Protein backbone atom coordinates (compact mmCIF):
# COMPACT_ATOMS: atom_id res chain seq x y z
CA MET A 1 0.00 0.00 0.00
CA ALA A 2 1.52 3.30 -1.12
CA MET A 3 1.93 6.03 1.48
CA LEU A 4 2.17 9.81 1.23
CA LEU A 5 4.51 11.19 3.91
CA ASP A 6 3.45 14.44 5.56
CA THR A 7 5.85 17.19 6.60
CA ASN A 8 5.96 16.24 10.28
CA ILE A 9 6.98 12.65 9.47
CA LEU A 10 9.81 13.75 7.17
CA SER A 11 11.00 16.47 9.53
CA THR A 12 11.00 13.94 12.38
CA HIS A 13 13.01 11.59 10.17
CA LEU A 14 15.56 14.35 9.60
CA LYS A 15 15.78 15.25 13.30
CA ARG A 16 15.35 11.78 14.86
CA PRO A 17 15.79 9.04 12.24
CA ASP A 18 15.77 6.43 15.02
CA LEU A 19 12.01 7.04 15.41
CA THR A 20 11.14 6.39 11.77
CA PHE A 21 13.97 4.34 10.28
CA SER A 22 12.28 0.96 10.66
CA LYS A 23 9.08 2.25 9.00
CA PHE A 24 11.11 3.64 6.07
CA ILE A 25 12.72 0.22 5.64
CA GLN A 26 9.45 -1.67 6.12
CA HIS A 27 7.62 0.41 3.51
CA GLY A 28 10.55 1.08 1.16
CA GLY A 29 9.46 1.50 -2.45
CA GLN A 30 5.94 2.48 -1.36
CA LEU A 31 6.73 5.94 0.01
CA CYS A 32 6.08 9.26 -1.65
CA THR A 33 5.43 12.85 -0.67
CA SER A 34 3.79 15.84 -2.32
CA GLN A 35 5.18 19.02 -3.81
CA ILE A 36 3.46 20.88 -0.98
CA VAL A 37 5.41 18.88 1.63
CA VAL A 38 8.66 19.52 -0.25
CA ALA A 39 7.94 23.27 -0.15
CA GLU A 40 7.13 23.06 3.57
CA LEU A 41 10.41 21.21 4.21
CA TYR A 42 12.38 23.87 2.34
CA ALA A 43 10.68 26.54 4.46
CA TRP A 44 11.46 24.51 7.60
CA CYS A 45 15.13 24.23 6.61
CA PHE A 46 15.31 27.92 5.75
CA THR A 47 13.88 28.81 9.17
CA PHE A 48 16.56 26.75 10.90
CA ALA A 49 19.26 28.23 8.68
CA THR A 50 18.26 31.79 9.57
CA HIS A 51 18.16 31.28 13.35
CA SER A 52 21.38 31.06 15.31
CA SER A 53 20.07 28.10 17.33
CA GLY A 54 19.65 26.14 14.13
CA ALA A 55 22.75 27.33 12.33
CA HIS A 56 24.25 23.85 12.49
CA LEU A 57 21.39 22.64 10.27
CA SER A 58 21.85 25.29 7.61
CA THR A 59 24.44 23.33 5.69
CA GLY A 60 23.11 19.84 6.40
CA CYS A 61 19.34 20.10 6.26
CA LEU A 62 18.71 20.35 2.54
CA PRO A 63 21.41 17.86 1.48
CA THR A 64 20.06 15.41 4.08
CA TYR A 65 16.57 15.88 2.72
CA HIS A 66 17.79 15.22 -0.82
CA ARG A 67 19.47 11.99 0.34
CA SER A 68 16.23 10.86 1.98
CA ARG A 69 14.38 11.64 -1.27
CA SER A 70 16.11 8.70 -2.87
CA THR A 71 13.68 6.45 -0.97
CA THR A 72 10.59 8.57 -1.67
CA ASN A 73 8.86 9.85 -4.79
CA VAL A 74 7.42 13.34 -5.06
CA ARG A 75 3.82 13.45 -6.25
CA GLY A 76 2.39 16.48 -7.99
CA LEU A 77 -1.20 17.58 -7.88
CA ARG A 78 -3.30 16.12 -10.64
CA ARG A 79 -6.08 18.21 -12.11
CA VAL A 80 -8.69 16.25 -10.13
CA ALA A 81 -6.84 16.91 -6.85
CA LYS A 82 -6.70 20.60 -7.68
CA GLN A 83 -10.44 20.59 -8.35
CA SER A 84 -11.08 18.80 -5.03
CA PHE A 85 -9.09 21.49 -3.24
CA ALA A 86 -11.08 24.20 -4.98
CA GLU A 87 -14.32 22.58 -3.81
CA PHE A 88 -13.16 22.51 -0.18
CA SER A 89 -11.45 25.94 -0.21
CA SER A 90 -9.18 24.78 2.63
CA PRO A 91 -5.53 25.10 3.71
CA LEU A 92 -2.54 23.15 2.48
CA ASP A 93 -3.43 20.05 4.49
CA LEU A 94 -6.55 19.64 2.40
CA MET A 95 -4.47 19.85 -0.78
CA ILE A 96 -2.30 17.06 0.63
CA ALA A 97 -5.45 15.07 1.49
CA ALA A 98 -6.83 15.63 -2.02
CA THR A 99 -3.57 14.35 -3.50
CA ALA A 100 -3.78 11.24 -1.32
CA LEU A 101 -7.40 10.61 -2.30
CA VAL A 102 -6.84 11.00 -6.03
CA ARG A 103 -3.73 8.81 -6.02
CA ASP A 104 -5.17 6.23 -3.57
CA LEU A 105 -2.47 6.85 -0.95
CA VAL A 106 -2.44 6.57 2.84
CA ILE A 107 -1.34 9.82 4.50
CA VAL A 108 1.37 9.16 7.08
CA THR A 109 1.24 12.00 9.60
CA HIS A 110 1.25 12.96 13.24
CA ASP A 111 -1.15 15.85 12.59
CA ALA A 112 -4.53 15.70 14.35
CA ASP A 113 -6.07 17.82 11.57
CA PHE A 114 -5.88 14.85 9.21
CA MET A 115 -7.58 12.65 11.80
CA HIS A 116 -10.36 15.24 12.00
CA MET A 117 -10.63 15.34 8.19
CA ARG A 118 -11.32 11.59 8.22
CA THR A 119 -14.61 12.27 9.99
CA GLN A 120 -15.70 14.42 7.04
CA ILE A 121 -13.95 12.58 4.21
CA VAL A 122 -14.68 8.90 4.77
CA GLU A 123 -12.37 7.70 1.97
CA LEU A 124 -9.32 9.38 3.51
CA ARG A 125 -6.86 6.88 4.98
CA VAL A 126 -4.43 8.10 7.65
CA ALA A 127 -1.64 6.37 9.58
CA ASP A 128 0.36 7.81 12.48
CA TRP A 129 3.88 6.39 12.73
CA LEU A 130 4.68 8.53 15.79
CA ASP A 131 1.66 7.75 17.96
CA GLY A 132 2.94 6.74 21.38
CA LEU A 133 6.56 7.67 20.56
CA SER A 134 8.41 10.64 21.99
CA SER A 135 9.49 12.98 19.22
């Protein structure tokens, strides 16, 4: 079953790979992410690079992300996903959900908003790899 990795899963993998490594191995070849998540990760890395407390990440964050991309595919928004987003008129998480729905993917996230979306969008499948773990 193919899985779409949300920003918080990939950022956790960059910060604490010990929490997600076994899942990446277990589901290797079935992992992807969206262009929205890639943009959010770049913003996340830029934020760390511009703050003195995160200066040590400024040179390693993006290259590390690109290395982790070798095990994940980036999925763009199909026209149908874009139309679904337009119908909902919601934030980026709904665009990610629309991408998952159109491409028949499970969203892997630790974001309660996706769990809430499931109550309104019955077809949405969500998995939480970090539930019960300290991140």
